Protein backbone atom coordinates (compact mmCIF):
# COMPACT_ATOMS: atom_id res chain seq x y z
CA UNK A 1 -88.60 20.22 37.72
CA UNK A 2 -92.19 21.19 38.49
CA UNK A 3 -93.39 24.76 39.06
CA UNK A 4 -96.42 25.80 41.12
CA UNK A 5 -98.31 28.94 40.10
CA UNK A 6 -100.62 30.22 42.86
CA UNK A 7 -103.96 30.95 41.22
CA UNK A 8 -106.33 31.65 44.12
CA UNK A 9 -106.18 32.51 47.80
CA UNK A 10 -108.89 32.52 50.49
CA UNK A 11 -108.78 34.01 53.98
CA UNK A 12 -110.82 32.10 56.56
CA UNK A 13 -111.60 33.34 60.06
CA UNK A 14 -112.66 30.79 62.67
CA UNK A 15 -114.81 32.03 65.56
CA UNK A 16 -115.82 30.26 68.78
CA UNK A 17 -119.60 30.00 69.14
CA UNK A 18 -119.93 28.31 72.52
CA UNK A 19 -119.78 24.73 73.74
CA UNK A 20 -121.87 21.81 72.50
CA UNK A 21 -124.05 20.71 75.43
CA UNK A 22 -123.93 17.02 74.50
CA UNK A 23 -120.27 16.50 73.63
CA UNK A 24 -118.68 19.36 75.55
CA UNK A 25 -116.64 20.30 72.48
CA UNK A 26 -116.38 23.87 71.18
CA UNK A 27 -118.63 24.99 68.32
CA UNK A 28 -116.95 26.95 65.54
CA UNK A 29 -118.35 29.37 62.96
CA UNK A 30 -116.41 30.16 59.80
CA UNK A 31 -116.22 33.35 57.74
CA UNK A 32 -114.39 33.14 54.40
CA UNK A 33 -113.16 35.86 52.09
CA UNK A 34 -112.46 34.72 48.53
CA UNK A 35 -110.31 36.30 45.84
CA UNK A 36 -107.61 37.48 48.21
CA UNK A 37 -104.58 38.80 46.34
CA UNK A 38 -102.13 35.95 45.97
CA UNK A 39 -99.30 38.44 46.62
CA UNK A 40 -100.68 39.39 50.06
CA UNK A 41 -98.17 38.78 52.84
CA UNK A 42 -98.85 36.97 56.08
CA UNK A 43 -98.57 40.24 58.04
CA UNK A 44 -101.10 41.94 55.76
CA UNK A 45 -103.59 39.09 56.11
CA UNK A 46 -103.15 39.01 59.87
CA UNK A 47 -103.80 42.76 60.14
CA UNK A 48 -106.97 42.49 58.05
CA UNK A 49 -108.19 39.41 59.91
CA UNK A 50 -107.77 40.97 63.34
CA UNK A 51 -109.47 44.19 62.18
CA UNK A 52 -112.45 42.19 60.90
CA UNK A 53 -112.51 40.07 64.06
CA UNK A 54 -112.80 43.21 66.20
CA UNK A 55 -116.11 43.95 64.46
CA UNK A 56 -117.58 40.52 65.23
CA UNK A 57 -119.59 39.39 68.25
CA UNK A 58 -117.84 36.02 68.57
CA UNK A 59 -114.21 35.67 69.74
CA UNK A 60 -111.60 34.85 67.10
CA UNK A 61 -110.19 31.33 67.45
CA UNK A 62 -107.96 30.94 64.38
CA UNK A 63 -106.96 32.48 61.04
CA UNK A 64 -106.43 30.27 57.96
CA UNK A 65 -105.10 31.00 54.50
CA UNK A 66 -106.08 28.53 51.81
CA UNK A 67 -104.12 28.70 48.57
CA UNK A 68 -104.76 26.95 45.26
CA UNK A 69 -101.97 26.43 42.77
CA UNK A 70 -101.60 25.05 39.28
CA UNK A 71 -98.64 22.70 38.98
CA UNK A 72 -96.86 22.38 35.68
CA UNK A 73 -93.62 21.18 34.24
CA UNK A 74 -90.91 23.83 34.34
């Protein structure tokens, strides 16, 4: 059986930055925060993300958590 050990976590905020005049599709800007505690819960990350988003000029579109794990034999 394999075991995954989470080694790194990143919080990414996605902001809307208007509409592309040629394609009509939304333009997104990304803000990433590295070295997030791997033990942070979803509720904790959401609270931090929304607090940071309130300080930004652009509206928040999405919140992403990107985790990296090492997989090994258990």
